[in-house]
Amino acid sequence: MLVKLVGTNASLQAYGYRFEKDKPVRVDDAKVLAELKERKDFELLEEVKSVRRKKDQGKSEEGGNDADTGEGKGTE
């Protein structure tokens, strides 16, 4: 889970993590998360996992870029 320092300090060292104001830090320890949740200086954020869409592999559009060389298909 991501944790963000929202207090008045510019940065803070706590529970073995360095928190900077408004910069999310990944914390996976459940005990640490429980402690931070009780403190008003911290905000726990839900992580949004990005989903990558798979393009049709093996098919290329005419005039598209060749991923290996970065050249346009029109140059072949």
N, C-alpha and C. Protein backbone atom coordinates (compact mmCIF):
# COMPACT_ATOMS: atom_id res chain seq x y z
N MET A 1 0.85 -1.17 0.00
CA MET A 1 0.00 0.00 0.00
C MET A 1 0.89 1.23 0.00
N LEU A 2 0.41 2.28 -0.60
CA LEU A 2 1.15 3.53 -0.64
C LEU A 2 0.75 4.40 0.54
N VAL A 3 1.74 5.07 1.11
CA VAL A 3 1.52 5.96 2.25
C VAL A 3 2.11 7.31 1.91
N LYS A 4 1.37 8.37 2.20
CA LYS A 4 1.82 9.72 1.88
C LYS A 4 1.86 10.55 3.16
N LEU A 5 2.94 11.28 3.35
CA LEU A 5 3.08 12.21 4.47
C LEU A 5 2.31 13.49 4.13
N VAL A 6 1.36 13.84 4.97
CA VAL A 6 0.55 15.03 4.72
C VAL A 6 0.67 16.05 5.85
N GLY A 7 1.55 15.81 6.79
CA GLY A 7 1.72 16.71 7.92
C GLY A 7 2.48 17.97 7.54
N THR A 8 2.92 18.71 8.55
CA THR A 8 3.59 19.98 8.33
C THR A 8 5.09 19.83 8.03
N ASN A 9 5.67 18.67 8.36
CA ASN A 9 7.10 18.45 8.12
C ASN A 9 7.37 18.26 6.63
N ALA A 10 8.56 18.66 6.19
CA ALA A 10 8.96 18.45 4.80
C ALA A 10 9.32 16.99 4.56
N SER A 11 9.89 16.34 5.58
CA SER A 11 10.20 14.92 5.50
C SER A 11 10.26 14.36 6.92
N LEU A 12 10.14 13.04 6.98
CA LEU A 12 10.09 12.40 8.29
C LEU A 12 10.59 10.97 8.16
N GLN A 13 11.41 10.54 9.10
CA GLN A 13 11.90 9.15 9.16
C GLN A 13 11.04 8.44 10.20
N ALA A 14 10.35 7.36 9.79
CA ALA A 14 9.51 6.62 10.73
C ALA A 14 9.43 5.16 10.32
N TYR A 15 9.59 4.26 11.30
CA TYR A 15 9.44 2.82 11.08
C TYR A 15 10.37 2.28 9.99
N GLY A 16 11.52 2.91 9.83
CA GLY A 16 12.49 2.45 8.83
C GLY A 16 12.23 2.98 7.43
N TYR A 17 11.32 3.90 7.27
CA TYR A 17 10.99 4.49 5.97
C TYR A 17 11.24 5.99 6.02
N ARG A 18 11.64 6.56 4.90
CA ARG A 18 11.80 8.01 4.76
C ARG A 18 10.59 8.52 3.98
N PHE A 19 9.82 9.39 4.60
CA PHE A 19 8.64 9.96 3.97
C PHE A 19 8.91 11.42 3.66
N GLU A 20 8.63 11.82 2.42
CA GLU A 20 8.72 13.22 2.03
C GLU A 20 7.30 13.72 1.76
N LYS A 21 7.07 14.96 2.08
CA LYS A 21 5.72 15.52 1.97
C LYS A 21 5.14 15.30 0.57
N ASP A 22 3.95 14.75 0.53
CA ASP A 22 3.15 14.52 -0.68
C ASP A 22 3.79 13.58 -1.69
N LYS A 23 4.79 12.78 -1.27
CA LYS A 23 5.38 11.77 -2.15
C LYS A 23 5.03 10.39 -1.59
N PRO A 24 4.23 9.61 -2.31
CA PRO A 24 3.84 8.29 -1.82
C PRO A 24 5.03 7.34 -1.68
N VAL A 25 5.01 6.55 -0.62
CA VAL A 25 6.04 5.55 -0.35
C VAL A 25 5.34 4.21 -0.21
N ARG A 26 5.88 3.18 -0.85
CA ARG A 26 5.29 1.84 -0.78
C ARG A 26 5.68 1.20 0.56
N VAL A 27 4.67 0.78 1.33
CA VAL A 27 4.87 0.10 2.60
C VAL A 27 4.09 -1.20 2.55
N ASP A 28 4.77 -2.34 2.72
CA ASP A 28 4.13 -3.64 2.64
C ASP A 28 3.95 -4.30 4.01
N ASP A 29 4.58 -3.77 5.03
CA ASP A 29 4.51 -4.35 6.37
C ASP A 29 3.18 -4.00 7.03
N ALA A 30 2.35 -5.01 7.35
CA ALA A 30 1.02 -4.79 7.91
C ALA A 30 1.08 -4.08 9.26
N LYS A 31 2.08 -4.40 10.08
CA LYS A 31 2.21 -3.75 11.39
C LYS A 31 2.51 -2.27 11.25
N VAL A 32 3.41 -1.94 10.32
CA VAL A 32 3.75 -0.54 10.08
C VAL A 32 2.54 0.21 9.52
N LEU A 33 1.81 -0.42 8.61
CA LEU A 33 0.62 0.22 8.05
C LEU A 33 -0.42 0.51 9.14
N ALA A 34 -0.59 -0.42 10.07
CA ALA A 34 -1.54 -0.22 11.16
C ALA A 34 -1.13 0.97 12.02
N GLU A 35 0.19 1.10 12.29
CA GLU A 35 0.69 2.23 13.08
C GLU A 35 0.50 3.56 12.35
N LEU A 36 0.83 3.57 11.06
CA LEU A 36 0.72 4.80 10.28
C LEU A 36 -0.74 5.23 10.11
N LYS A 37 -1.62 4.26 10.03
CA LYS A 37 -3.05 4.56 9.89
C LYS A 37 -3.58 5.35 11.08
N GLU A 38 -3.01 5.13 12.24
CA GLU A 38 -3.44 5.81 13.47
C GLU A 38 -2.89 7.23 13.59
N ARG A 39 -1.88 7.54 12.80
CA ARG A 39 -1.25 8.86 12.89
C ARG A 39 -1.88 9.83 11.90
N LYS A 40 -2.16 11.04 12.34
CA LYS A 40 -2.83 12.02 11.49
C LYS A 40 -1.91 12.62 10.42
N ASP A 41 -0.59 12.41 10.56
CA ASP A 41 0.38 12.95 9.60
C ASP A 41 0.44 12.14 8.31
N PHE A 42 -0.20 10.97 8.29
CA PHE A 42 -0.07 10.07 7.15
C PHE A 42 -1.43 9.76 6.54
N GLU A 43 -1.41 9.57 5.22
CA GLU A 43 -2.60 9.18 4.48
C GLU A 43 -2.29 7.90 3.74
N LEU A 44 -3.12 6.88 3.92
CA LEU A 44 -2.94 5.61 3.22
C LEU A 44 -3.72 5.67 1.91
N LEU A 45 -3.05 5.30 0.83
CA LEU A 45 -3.65 5.37 -0.51
C LEU A 45 -3.81 3.98 -1.09
N GLU A 46 -4.91 3.76 -1.76
CA GLU A 46 -5.09 2.50 -2.49
C GLU A 46 -4.25 2.57 -3.74
N GLU A 47 -3.60 1.47 -4.06
CA GLU A 47 -2.79 1.42 -5.27
C GLU A 47 -3.66 1.08 -6.45
N VAL A 48 -3.47 1.79 -7.52
CA VAL A 48 -4.17 1.50 -8.76
C VAL A 48 -3.17 0.82 -9.68
N LYS A 49 -3.47 -0.43 -9.99
CA LYS A 49 -2.56 -1.17 -10.86
C LYS A 49 -2.94 -0.91 -12.30
N SER A 50 -1.98 -0.48 -13.07
CA SER A 50 -2.25 -0.21 -14.48
C SER A 50 -2.29 -1.53 -15.25
N VAL A 51 -3.20 -1.59 -16.17
CA VAL A 51 -3.35 -2.79 -16.99
C VAL A 51 -2.85 -2.44 -18.37
N ARG A 52 -1.87 -3.18 -18.83
CA ARG A 52 -1.34 -2.95 -20.17
C ARG A 52 -2.17 -3.75 -21.16
N ARG A 53 -2.56 -3.11 -22.20
CA ARG A 53 -3.32 -3.79 -23.24
C ARG A 53 -2.34 -4.40 -24.23
N LYS A 54 -2.60 -5.64 -24.57
CA LYS A 54 -1.75 -6.31 -25.55
C LYS A 54 -2.22 -5.94 -26.95
N LYS A 55 -1.29 -5.53 -27.77
CA LYS A 55 -1.60 -5.27 -29.17
C LYS A 55 -1.52 -6.60 -29.90
N ASP A 56 -2.13 -6.66 -31.04
CA ASP A 56 -2.04 -7.87 -31.85
C ASP A 56 -0.58 -8.09 -32.22
N GLN A 57 0.00 -9.12 -31.66
CA GLN A 57 1.40 -9.40 -31.95
C GLN A 57 1.49 -10.13 -33.27
N GLY A 58 2.50 -9.81 -34.04
CA GLY A 58 2.71 -10.44 -35.34
C GLY A 58 2.02 -9.69 -36.46
N LYS A 59 1.14 -8.79 -36.13
CA LYS A 59 0.47 -7.99 -37.14
C LYS A 59 0.99 -6.57 -37.02
N SER A 60 1.32 -5.97 -38.13
CA SER A 60 1.75 -4.58 -38.12
C SER A 60 0.94 -3.82 -39.14
N GLU A 61 0.66 -2.58 -38.83
CA GLU A 61 -0.09 -1.74 -39.73
C GLU A 61 0.85 -1.15 -40.77
N GLU A 62 0.35 -0.98 -41.98
CA GLU A 62 1.14 -0.36 -43.03
C GLU A 62 1.43 1.08 -42.62
N GLY A 63 2.68 1.48 -42.71
CA GLY A 63 3.07 2.83 -42.35
C GLY A 63 3.38 2.99 -40.87
N GLY A 64 3.23 1.93 -40.07
CA GLY A 64 3.54 1.99 -38.64
C GLY A 64 5.03 1.93 -38.41
N ASN A 65 5.45 2.00 -37.17
CA ASN A 65 6.87 1.93 -36.83
C ASN A 65 7.29 0.49 -36.57
N ASP A 66 8.48 0.15 -36.99
CA ASP A 66 9.07 -1.15 -36.69
C ASP A 66 9.68 -1.05 -35.30
N ALA A 67 9.21 -1.86 -34.38
CA ALA A 67 9.66 -1.77 -32.98
C ALA A 67 11.15 -2.05 -32.83
N ASP A 68 11.71 -2.87 -33.71
CA ASP A 68 13.12 -3.23 -33.59
C ASP A 68 14.04 -2.09 -34.02
N THR A 69 13.68 -1.38 -35.08
CA THR A 69 14.57 -0.35 -35.61
C THR A 69 14.06 1.06 -35.37
N GLY A 70 12.76 1.21 -35.08
CA GLY A 70 12.21 2.53 -34.88
C GLY A 70 11.94 3.26 -36.19
N GLU A 71 12.16 2.56 -37.31
CA GLU A 71 11.94 3.17 -38.62
C GLU A 71 10.52 2.92 -39.07
N GLY A 72 10.02 3.79 -39.88
CA GLY A 72 8.69 3.62 -40.44
C GLY A 72 8.69 2.50 -41.46
N LYS A 73 7.54 1.86 -41.63
CA LYS A 73 7.43 0.77 -42.60
C LYS A 73 7.60 1.26 -44.03
N GLY A 74 7.33 2.53 -44.27
CA GLY A 74 7.46 3.08 -45.61
C GLY A 74 8.90 3.13 -46.07
N THR A 75 9.89 2.97 -45.19
CA THR A 75 11.30 3.07 -45.57
C THR A 75 11.87 1.76 -46.05
N GLU A 76 11.08 0.69 -45.94
CA GLU A 76 11.59 -0.63 -46.36
C GLU A 76 11.58 -0.77 -47.85
